[in-house]
PDB file of N, CA and C in Angstrom:
ATOM      1  N   MET A   1      36.815  92.310  84.371  1.00  0.00           N
ATOM      2  CA  MET A   1      37.081  92.383  85.793  1.00  0.00           C
ATOM      3  C   MET A   1      36.838  91.038  86.489  1.00  0.00           C
ATOM      4  N   GLU A   2      36.042  90.188  85.870  1.00  0.00           N
ATOM      5  CA  GLU A   2      35.753  88.900  86.481  1.00  0.00           C
ATOM      6  C   GLU A   2      36.762  87.828  86.089  1.00  0.00           C
ATOM      7  N   ASP A   3      37.699  88.180  85.235  1.00  0.00           N
ATOM      8  CA  ASP A   3      38.723  87.236  84.799  1.00  0.00           C
ATOM      9  C   ASP A   3      39.493  86.734  86.015  1.00  0.00           C
ATOM     10  N   GLU A   4      39.774  85.454  86.042  1.00  0.00           N
ATOM     11  CA  GLU A   4      40.469  84.863  87.190  1.00  0.00           C
ATOM     12  C   GLU A   4      41.844  85.481  87.436  1.00  0.00           C
ATOM     13  N   LEU A   5      42.463  86.049  86.377  1.00  0.00           N
ATOM     14  CA  LEU A   5      43.760  86.699  86.568  1.00  0.00           C
ATOM     15  C   LEU A   5      43.620  88.029  87.312  1.00  0.00           C
ATOM     16  N   MET A   6      42.405  88.597  87.320  1.00  0.00           N
ATOM     17  CA  MET A   6      42.182  89.877  87.988  1.00  0.00           C
ATOM     18  C   MET A   6      42.010  89.712  89.497  1.00  0.00           C
ATOM     19  N   VAL A   7      41.571  88.563  89.944  1.00  0.00           N
ATOM     20  CA  VAL A   7      41.296  88.351  91.357  1.00  0.00           C
ATOM     21  C   VAL A   7      42.574  88.527  92.168  1.00  0.00           C
ATOM     22  N   GLY A   8      42.528  89.432  93.119  1.00  0.00           N
ATOM     23  CA  GLY A   8      43.673  89.672  93.983  1.00  0.00           C
ATOM     24  C   GLY A   8      44.747  90.555  93.375  1.00  0.00           C
ATOM     25  N   SER A   9      44.525  91.059  92.176  1.00  0.00           N
ATOM     26  CA  SER A   9      45.528  91.907  91.538  1.00  0.00           C
ATOM     27  C   SER A   9      45.282  93.367  91.882  1.00  0.00           C
ATOM     28  N   GLU A  10      46.334  94.118  92.101  1.00  0.00           N
ATOM     29  CA  GLU A  10      46.189  95.542  92.352  1.00  0.00           C
ATOM     30  C   GLU A  10      46.270  96.343  91.047  1.00  0.00           C
ATOM     31  N   TYR A  11      46.481  95.671  89.942  1.00  0.00           N
ATOM     32  CA  TYR A  11      46.589  96.332  88.650  1.00  0.00           C
ATOM     33  C   TYR A  11      45.316  96.138  87.845  1.00  0.00           C
ATOM     34  N   LEU A  12      44.907  97.179  87.134  1.00  0.00           N
ATOM     35  CA  LEU A  12      43.731  97.093  86.283  1.00  0.00           C
ATOM     36  C   LEU A  12      43.971  96.078  85.170  1.00  0.00           C
ATOM     37  N   TRP A  13      45.180  96.104  84.599  1.00  0.00           N
ATOM     38  CA  TRP A  13      45.529  95.168  83.537  1.00  0.00           C
ATOM     39  C   TRP A  13      46.749  94.358  83.970  1.00  0.00           C
ATOM     40  N   PRO A  14      46.516  93.236  84.623  1.00  0.00           N
ATOM     41  CA  PRO A  14      47.666  92.417  85.023  1.00  0.00           C
ATOM     42  C   PRO A  14      48.325  91.790  83.799  1.00  0.00           C
ATOM     43  N   GLY A  15      49.565  91.413  83.955  1.00  0.00           N
ATOM     44  CA  GLY A  15      50.290  90.774  82.869  1.00  0.00           C
ATOM     45  C   GLY A  15      49.664  89.445  82.483  1.00  0.00           C
ATOM     46  N   ARG A  16      49.934  89.035  81.257  1.00  0.00           N
ATOM     47  CA  ARG A  16      49.368  87.777  80.775  1.00  0.00           C
ATOM     48  C   ARG A  16      50.087  86.568  81.351  1.00  0.00           C
ATOM     49  N   PHE A  17      51.281  86.777  81.833  1.00  0.00           N
ATOM     50  CA  PHE A  17      52.058  85.687  82.402  1.00  0.00           C
ATOM     51  C   PHE A  17      52.237  85.946  83.889  1.00  0.00           C
ATOM     52  N   HIS A  18      52.259  84.916  84.671  1.00  0.00           N
ATOM     53  CA  HIS A  18      52.279  85.054  86.122  1.00  0.00           C
ATOM     54  C   HIS A  18      53.489  85.811  86.661  1.00  0.00           C
ATOM     55  N   GLU A  19      54.600  85.753  85.950  1.00  0.00           N
ATOM     56  CA  GLU A  19      55.784  86.466  86.451  1.00  0.00           C
ATOM     57  C   GLU A  19      55.696  87.974  86.203  1.00  0.00           C
ATOM     58  N   ARG A  20      54.765  88.393  85.350  1.00  0.00           N
ATOM     59  CA  ARG A  20      54.564  89.824  85.075  1.00  0.00           C
ATOM     60  C   ARG A  20      53.391  90.320  85.905  1.00  0.00           C
ATOM     61  N   LEU A  21      53.618  91.308  86.754  1.00  0.00           N
ATOM     62  CA  LEU A  21      52.539  91.824  87.591  1.00  0.00           C
ATOM     63  C   LEU A  21      51.552  92.675  86.802  1.00  0.00           C
ATOM     64  N   HIS A  22      52.028  93.334  85.753  1.00  0.00           N
ATOM     65  CA  HIS A  22      51.167  94.223  84.978  1.00  0.00           C
ATOM     66  C   HIS A  22      51.603  94.220  83.517  1.00  0.00           C
ATOM     67  N   ILE A  23      50.757  94.764  82.647  1.00  0.00           N
ATOM     68  CA  ILE A  23      51.124  94.825  81.235  1.00  0.00           C
ATOM     69  C   ILE A  23      52.266  95.823  81.058  1.00  0.00           C
ATOM     70  N   SER A  24      52.950  95.684  79.965  1.00  0.00           N
ATOM     71  CA  SER A  24      54.075  96.576  79.682  1.00  0.00           C
ATOM     72  C   SER A  24      53.560  97.887  79.098  1.00  0.00           C
ATOM     73  N   THR A  25      54.417  98.889  79.069  1.00  0.00           N
ATOM     74  CA  THR A  25      54.040 100.167  78.465  1.00  0.00           C
ATOM     75  C   THR A  25      53.769  99.983  76.974  1.00  0.00           C
ATOM     76  N   ARG A  26      54.467  99.075  76.359  1.00  0.00           N
ATOM     77  CA  ARG A  26      54.235  98.796  74.932  1.00  0.00           C
ATOM     78  C   ARG A  26      52.836  98.212  74.719  1.00  0.00           C
ATOM     79  N   GLN A  27      52.435  97.291  75.593  1.00  0.00           N
ATOM     80  CA  GLN A  27      51.098  96.722  75.486  1.00  0.00           C
ATOM     81  C   GLN A  27      50.032  97.792  75.721  1.00  0.00           C
ATOM     82  N   TYR A  28      50.248  98.642  76.722  1.00  0.00           N
ATOM     83  CA  TYR A  28      49.296  99.714  77.010  1.00  0.00           C
ATOM     84  C   TYR A  28      49.182 100.663  75.821  1.00  0.00           C
ATOM     85  N   THR A  29      50.299 101.005  75.218  1.00  0.00           N
ATOM     86  CA  THR A  29      50.287 101.873  74.042  1.00  0.00           C
ATOM     87  C   THR A  29      49.486 101.241  72.913  1.00  0.00           C
ATOM     88  N   ARG A  30      49.665  99.956  72.709  1.00  0.00           N
ATOM     89  CA  ARG A  30      48.925  99.243  71.666  1.00  0.00           C
ATOM     90  C   ARG A  30      47.422  99.263  71.960  1.00  0.00           C
ATOM     91  N   ILE A  31      47.036  99.049  73.215  1.00  0.00           N
ATOM     92  CA  ILE A  31      45.625  99.077  73.605  1.00  0.00           C
ATOM     93  C   ILE A  31      45.040 100.469  73.353  1.00  0.00           C
ATOM     94  N   ALA A  32      45.762 101.510  73.778  1.00  0.00           N
ATOM     95  CA  ALA A  32      45.285 102.884  73.587  1.00  0.00           C
ATOM     96  C   ALA A  32      45.138 103.208  72.103  1.00  0.00           C
ATOM     97  N   ARG A  33      46.105 102.797  71.298  1.00  0.00           N
ATOM     98  CA  ARG A  33      46.035 103.040  69.852  1.00  0.00           C
ATOM     99  C   ARG A  33      44.814 102.359  69.251  1.00  0.00           C
ATOM    100  N   ASP A  34      44.548 101.137  69.680  1.00  0.00           N
ATOM    101  CA  ASP A  34      43.388 100.405  69.172  1.00  0.00           C
ATOM    102  C   ASP A  34      42.079 101.079  69.592  1.00  0.00           C
ATOM    103  N   TRP A  35      42.026 101.619  70.811  1.00  0.00           N
ATOM    104  CA  TRP A  35      40.827 102.341  71.255  1.00  0.00           C
ATOM    105  C   TRP A  35      40.580 103.551  70.371  1.00  0.00           C
ATOM    106  N   VAL A  36      41.624 104.328  70.146  1.00  0.00           N
ATOM    107  CA  VAL A  36      41.493 105.538  69.329  1.00  0.00           C
ATOM    108  C   VAL A  36      41.054 105.166  67.919  1.00  0.00           C
ATOM    109  N   THR A  37      41.680 104.168  67.338  1.00  0.00           N
ATOM    110  CA  THR A  37      41.338 103.732  65.986  1.00  0.00           C
ATOM    111  C   THR A  37      39.887 103.255  65.910  1.00  0.00           C
ATOM    112  N   SER A  38      39.423 102.574  66.948  1.00  0.00           N
ATOM    113  CA  SER A  38      38.051 102.047  66.943  1.00  0.00           C
ATOM    114  C   SER A  38      37.006 103.153  66.949  1.00  0.00           C
ATOM    115  N   THR A  39      37.380 104.359  67.373  1.00  0.00           N
ATOM    116  CA  THR A  39      36.439 105.483  67.373  1.00  0.00           C
ATOM    117  C   THR A  39      36.433 106.212  66.037  1.00  0.00           C
ATOM    118  N   GLY A  40      37.349 105.812  65.142  1.00  0.00           N
ATOM    119  CA  GLY A  40      37.429 106.461  63.841  1.00  0.00           C
ATOM    120  C   GLY A  40      38.379 107.642  63.815  1.00  0.00           C
ATOM    121  N   LEU A  41      39.081 107.878  64.907  1.00  0.00           N
ATOM    122  CA  LEU A  41      40.048 108.976  64.964  1.00  0.00           C
ATOM    123  C   LEU A  41      41.405 108.511  64.450  1.00  0.00           C
ATOM    124  N   GLU A  42      42.243 109.468  64.111  1.00  0.00           N
ATOM    125  CA  GLU A  42      43.594 109.179  63.634  1.00  0.00           C
ATOM    126  C   GLU A  42      44.487 108.833  64.819  1.00  0.00           C
ATOM    127  N   ALA A  43      44.960 107.605  64.860  1.00  0.00           N
ATOM    128  CA  ALA A  43      45.751 107.124  65.999  1.00  0.00           C
ATOM    129  C   ALA A  43      47.023 107.941  66.207  1.00  0.00           C
ATOM    130  N   GLY A  44      47.613 108.456  65.140  1.00  0.00           N
ATOM    131  CA  GLY A  44      48.846 109.224  65.268  1.00  0.00           C
ATOM    132  C   GLY A  44      48.679 110.547  66.002  1.00  0.00           C
ATOM    133  N   ALA A  45      47.447 111.016  66.112  1.00  0.00           N
ATOM    134  CA  ALA A  45      47.194 112.296  66.782  1.00  0.00           C
ATOM    135  C   ALA A  45      47.014 112.142  68.287  1.00  0.00           C
ATOM    136  N   TYR A  46      46.948 110.903  68.757  1.00  0.00           N
ATOM    137  CA  TYR A  46      46.703 110.650  70.172  1.00  0.00           C
ATOM    138  C   TYR A  46      47.734 109.672  70.707  1.00  0.00           C
ATOM    139  N   GLY A  47      48.094 109.874  71.940  1.00  0.00           N
ATOM    140  CA  GLY A  47      49.032 108.962  72.582  1.00  0.00           C
ATOM    141  C   GLY A  47      48.694 108.842  74.048  1.00  0.00           C
ATOM    142  N   THR A  48      49.376 107.961  74.742  1.00  0.00           N
ATOM    143  CA  THR A  48      49.078 107.754  76.157  1.00  0.00           C
ATOM    144  C   THR A  48      49.354 109.014  76.969  1.00  0.00           C
ATOM    145  N   HIS A  49      50.387 109.734  76.623  1.00  0.00           N
ATOM    146  CA  HIS A  49      50.692 110.953  77.367  1.00  0.00           C
ATOM    147  C   HIS A  49      49.690 112.050  77.068  1.00  0.00           C
ATOM    148  N   SER A  50      49.268 112.197  75.824  1.00  0.00           N
ATOM    149  CA  SER A  50      48.305 113.246  75.505  1.00  0.00           C
ATOM    150  C   SER A  50      46.974 112.986  76.206  1.00  0.00           C
ATOM    151  N   MET A  51      46.594 111.709  76.376  1.00  0.00           N
ATOM    152  CA  MET A  51      45.363 111.395  77.092  1.00  0.00           C
ATOM    153  C   MET A  51      45.502 111.766  78.572  1.00  0.00           C
ATOM    154  N   ARG A  52      46.656 111.515  79.143  1.00  0.00           N
ATOM    155  CA  ARG A  52      46.892 111.863  80.547  1.00  0.00           C
ATOM    156  C   ARG A  52      46.816 113.370  80.719  1.00  0.00           C
ATOM    157  N   ARG A  53      47.440 114.084  79.815  1.00  0.00           N
ATOM    158  CA  ARG A  53      47.460 115.535  79.899  1.00  0.00           C
ATOM    159  C   ARG A  53      46.072 116.128  79.669  1.00  0.00           C
ATOM    160  N   THR A  54      45.319 115.566  78.740  1.00  0.00           N
ATOM    161  CA  THR A  54      43.971 116.047  78.460  1.00  0.00           C
ATOM    162  C   THR A  54      43.078 115.913  79.687  1.00  0.00           C
ATOM    163  N   LYS A  55      43.158 114.793  80.373  1.00  0.00           N
ATOM    164  CA  LYS A  55      42.326 114.565  81.561  1.00  0.00           C
ATOM    165  C   LYS A  55      42.571 115.622  82.613  1.00  0.00           C
ATOM    166  N   VAL A  56      43.821 115.869  82.951  1.00  0.00           N
ATOM    167  CA  VAL A  56      44.100 116.853  84.001  1.00  0.00           C
ATOM    168  C   VAL A  56      43.810 118.273  83.525  1.00  0.00           C
ATOM    169  N   ALA A  57      43.979 118.530  82.236  1.00  0.00           N
ATOM    170  CA  ALA A  57      43.641 119.855  81.706  1.00  0.00           C
ATOM    171  C   ALA A  57      42.143 120.105  81.849  1.00  0.00           C
ATOM    172  N   GLN A  58      41.337 119.072  81.627  1.00  0.00           N
ATOM    173  CA  GLN A  58      39.889 119.205  81.794  1.00  0.00           C
ATOM    174  C   GLN A  58      39.515 119.400  83.263  1.00  0.00           C
ATOM    175  N   ILE A  59      40.177 118.696  84.152  1.00  0.00           N
ATOM    176  CA  ILE A  59      39.932 118.883  85.585  1.00  0.00           C
ATOM    177  C   ILE A  59      40.229 120.328  85.964  1.00  0.00           C
ATOM    178  N   TYR A  60      41.365 120.815  85.520  1.00  0.00           N
ATOM    179  CA  TYR A  60      41.750 122.192  85.842  1.00  0.00           C
ATOM    180  C   TYR A  60      40.777 123.199  85.238  1.00  0.00           C
ATOM    181  N   LYS A  61      40.405 122.978  83.993  1.00  0.00           N
ATOM    182  CA  LYS A  61      39.501 123.907  83.302  1.00  0.00           C
ATOM    183  C   LYS A  61      38.139 123.977  83.987  1.00  0.00           C
ATOM    184  N   LYS A  62      37.634 122.829  84.439  1.00  0.00           N
ATOM    185  CA  LYS A  62      36.301 122.779  85.047  1.00  0.00           C
ATOM    186  C   LYS A  62      36.285 123.222  86.500  1.00  0.00           C
ATOM    187  N   THR A  63      37.394 123.028  87.208  1.00  0.00           N
ATOM    188  CA  THR A  63      37.398 123.325  88.640  1.00  0.00           C
ATOM    189  C   THR A  63      38.297 124.495  89.015  1.00  0.00           C
ATOM    190  N   GLY A  64      39.330 124.727  88.231  1.00  0.00           N
ATOM    191  CA  GLY A  64      40.307 125.751  88.596  1.00  0.00           C
ATOM    192  C   GLY A  64      41.155 125.333  89.785  1.00  0.00           C
ATOM    193  N   ASN A  65      41.073 124.067  90.163  1.00  0.00           N
ATOM    194  CA  ASN A  65      41.759 123.561  91.347  1.00  0.00           C
ATOM    195  C   ASN A  65      43.133 123.003  90.955  1.00  0.00           C
ATOM    196  N   LEU A  66      44.117 123.849  91.063  1.00  0.00           N
ATOM    197  CA  LEU A  66      45.475 123.462  90.693  1.00  0.00           C
ATOM    198  C   LEU A  66      46.031 122.398  91.636  1.00  0.00           C
ATOM    199  N   ARG A  67      45.663 122.472  92.904  1.00  0.00           N
ATOM    200  CA  ARG A  67      46.150 121.494  93.885  1.00  0.00           C
ATOM    201  C   ARG A  67      45.636 120.093  93.541  1.00  0.00           C
ATOM    202  N   ALA A  68      44.371 119.983  93.136  1.00  0.00           N
ATOM    203  CA  ALA A  68      43.820 118.677  92.756  1.00  0.00           C
ATOM    204  C   ALA A  68      44.590 118.104  91.572  1.00  0.00           C
ATOM    205  N   VAL A  69      44.873 118.946  90.598  1.00  0.00           N
ATOM    206  CA  VAL A  69      45.626 118.501  89.423  1.00  0.00           C
ATOM    207  C   VAL A  69      47.029 118.066  89.837  1.00  0.00           C
ATOM    208  N   GLN A  70      47.638 118.829  90.723  1.00  0.00           N
ATOM    209  CA  GLN A  70      48.973 118.488  91.215  1.00  0.00           C
ATOM    210  C   GLN A  70      48.961 117.100  91.854  1.00  0.00           C
ATOM    211  N   LEU A  71      47.952 116.820  92.657  1.00  0.00           N
ATOM    212  CA  LEU A  71      47.861 115.515  93.321  1.00  0.00           C
ATOM    213  C   LEU A  71      47.632 114.388  92.326  1.00  0.00           C
ATOM    214  N   VAL A  72      46.758 114.604  91.350  1.00  0.00           N
ATOM    215  CA  VAL A  72      46.480 113.584  90.345  1.00  0.00           C
ATOM    216  C   VAL A  72      47.743 113.246  89.560  1.00  0.00           C
ATOM    217  N   LEU A  73      48.511 114.266  89.230  1.00  0.00           N
ATOM    218  CA  LEU A  73      49.739 114.050  88.459  1.00  0.00           C
ATOM    219  C   LEU A  73      50.886 113.502  89.299  1.00  0.00           C
ATOM    220  N   GLY A  74      50.791 113.655  90.609  1.00  0.00           N
ATOM    221  CA  GLY A  74      51.870 113.201  91.480  1.00  0.00           C
ATOM    222  C   GLY A  74      53.045 114.158  91.513  1.00  0.00           C
ATOM    223  N   HIS A  75      52.783 115.419  91.162  1.00  0.00           N
ATOM    224  CA  HIS A  75      53.849 116.427  91.201  1.00  0.00           C
ATOM    225  C   HIS A  75      54.094 116.874  92.636  1.00  0.00           C
ATOM    226  N   THR A  76      55.337 117.141  92.961  1.00  0.00           N
ATOM    227  CA  THR A  76      55.654 117.603  94.310  1.00  0.00           C
ATOM    228  C   THR A  76      55.592 119.123  94.425  1.00  0.00           C
ATOM    229  N   LYS A  77      55.749 119.815  93.314  1.00  0.00           N
ATOM    230  CA  LYS A  77      55.737 121.277  93.337  1.00  0.00           C
ATOM    231  C   LYS A  77      54.662 121.829  92.406  1.00  0.00           C
ATOM    232  N   LYS A  78      53.941 122.846  92.898  1.00  0.00           N
ATOM    233  CA  LYS A  78      52.904 123.463  92.071  1.00  0.00           C
ATOM    234  C   LYS A  78      53.502 124.104  90.824  1.00  0.00           C
ATOM    235  N   ALA A  79      54.710 124.601  90.932  1.00  0.00           N
ATOM    236  CA  ALA A  79      55.344 125.248  89.781  1.00  0.00           C
ATOM    237  C   ALA A  79      55.474 124.266  88.613  1.00  0.00           C
ATOM    238  N   GLY A  80      55.780 123.028  88.919  1.00  0.00           N
ATOM    239  CA  GLY A  80      55.881 122.008  87.876  1.00  0.00           C
ATOM    240  C   GLY A  80      54.525 121.724  87.238  1.00  0.00           C
ATOM    241  N   THR A  81      53.476 121.738  88.051  1.00  0.00           N
ATOM    242  CA  THR A  81      52.123 121.514  87.535  1.00  0.00           C
ATOM    243  C   THR A  81      51.696 122.673  86.647  1.00  0.00           C
ATOM    244  N   VAL A  82      52.004 123.891  87.083  1.00  0.00           N
ATOM    245  CA  VAL A  82      51.684 125.082  86.289  1.00  0.00           C
ATOM    246  C   VAL A  82      52.375 125.003  84.936  1.00  0.00           C
ATOM    247  N   GLN A  83      53.635 124.635  84.949  1.00  0.00           N
ATOM    248  CA  GLN A  83      54.392 124.526  83.702  1.00  0.00           C
ATOM    249  C   GLN A  83      53.840 123.394  82.831  1.00  0.00           C
ATOM    250  N   TYR A  84      53.497 122.272  83.429  1.00  0.00           N
ATOM    251  CA  TYR A  84      52.964 121.119  82.692  1.00  0.00           C
ATOM    252  C   TYR A  84      51.661 121.479  81.983  1.00  0.00           C
ATOM    253  N   LEU A  85      50.792 122.191  82.691  1.00  0.00           N
ATOM    254  CA  LEU A  85      49.501 122.573  82.116  1.00  0.00           C
ATOM    255  C   LEU A  85      49.614 123.749  81.158  1.00  0.00           C
ATOM    256  N   GLY A  86      50.688 124.517  81.304  1.00  0.00           N
ATOM    257  CA  GLY A  86      50.817 125.720  80.477  1.00  0.00           C
ATOM    258  C   GLY A  86      49.874 126.814  80.941  1.00  0.00           C
ATOM    259  N   VAL A  87      49.642 126.881  82.252  1.00  0.00           N
ATOM    260  CA  VAL A  87      48.758 127.904  82.803  1.00  0.00           C
ATOM    261  C   VAL A  87      49.376 129.270  82.556  1.00  0.00           C
ATOM    262  N   GLU A  88      48.594 130.137  81.983  1.00  0.00           N
ATOM    263  CA  GLU A  88      49.062 131.479  81.669  1.00  0.00           C
ATOM    264  C   GLU A  88      48.620 132.461  82.757  1.00  0.00           C
ATOM    265  N   LEU A  89      49.239 133.587  82.783  1.00  0.00           N
ATOM    266  CA  LEU A  89      48.909 134.621  83.749  1.00  0.00           C
ATOM    267  C   LEU A  89      47.435 135.017  83.635  1.00  0.00           C
ATOM    268  N   GLU A  90      46.930 135.106  82.403  1.00  0.00           N
ATOM    269  CA  GLU A  90      45.528 135.478  82.209  1.00  0.00           C
ATOM    270  C   GLU A  90      44.584 134.469  82.859  1.00  0.00           C
ATOM    271  N   ASP A  91      44.936 133.177  82.754  1.00  0.00           N
ATOM    272  CA  ASP A  91      44.118 132.137  83.380  1.00  0.00           C
ATOM    273  C   ASP A  91      44.099 132.312  84.894  1.00  0.00           C
ATOM    274  N   ALA A  92      45.263 132.519  85.453  1.00  0.00           N
ATOM    275  CA  ALA A  92      45.372 132.678  86.900  1.00  0.00           C
ATOM    276  C   ALA A  92      44.588 133.898  87.379  1.00  0.00           C
ATOM    277  N   LEU A  93      44.661 134.999  86.657  1.00  0.00           N
ATOM    278  CA  LEU A  93      43.949 136.208  87.041  1.00  0.00           C
ATOM    279  C   LEU A  93      42.440 136.023  86.907  1.00  0.00           C
ATOM    280  N   ALA A  94      42.005 135.329  85.869  1.00  0.00           N
ATOM    281  CA  ALA A  94      40.573 135.071  85.677  1.00  0.00           C
ATOM    282  C   ALA A  94      40.028 134.216  86.816  1.00  0.00           C
ATOM    283  N   ILE A  95      40.765 133.220  87.248  1.00  0.00           N
ATOM    284  CA  ILE A  95      40.340 132.383  88.366  1.00  0.00           C
ATOM    285  C   ILE A  95      40.286 133.208  89.640  1.00  0.00           C
ATOM    286  N   ALA A  96      41.309 134.034  89.856  1.00  0.00           N
ATOM    287  CA  ALA A  96      41.340 134.873  91.058  1.00  0.00           C
ATOM    288  C   ALA A  96      40.161 135.844  91.063  1.00  0.00           C
ATOM    289  N   ASP A  97      39.829 136.407  89.922  1.00  0.00           N
ATOM    290  CA  ASP A  97      38.712 137.349  89.826  1.00  0.00           C
ATOM    291  C   ASP A  97      37.374 136.661  90.068  1.00  0.00           C
ATOM    292  N   ALA A  98      37.266 135.397  89.713  1.00  0.00           N
ATOM    293  CA  ALA A  98      36.012 134.664  89.862  1.00  0.00           C
ATOM    294  C   ALA A  98      35.697 134.284  91.305  1.00  0.00           C
ATOM    295  N   ILE A  99      36.702 134.344  92.153  1.00  0.00           N
ATOM    296  CA  ILE A  99      36.521 133.962  93.548  1.00  0.00           C
ATOM    297  C   ILE A  99      36.268 135.221  94.384  1.00  0.00           C
ATOM    298  N   GLU A 100      35.099 135.235  95.028  1.00  0.00           N
ATOM    299  CA  GLU A 100      34.744 136.385  95.861  1.00  0.00           C
ATOM    300  C   GLU A 100      35.103 136.097  97.294  1.00  0.00           C
ATOM    301  N   ILE A 101      35.597 137.109  97.950  1.00  0.00           N
ATOM    302  CA  ILE A 101      35.957 136.973  99.371  1.00  0.00           C
ATOM    303  C   ILE A 101      35.041 137.875 100.185  1.00  0.00           C
TER     304      ILE A 101
END
């Protein structure tokens, strides 16, 4: 974070060259693969999308807050978020039952 290329950048990982504002998706994929490999896990079992999906699935599982997940994902419709997470009817009913009015 103290790297001189980071100063004034709105990106966590700015590009290595001044004409690039941020790293490419290929570079990000390579970084993610290296992180997974460094933990001793099989890199082929994890990808950038699976990590994104896992994070929001954990948010939903711990909070039951579908709206928060929708906002994090940038979805415009809750139906799309429900489909993305694979929320089942049983999950929805269990959450509804857990909330007392």
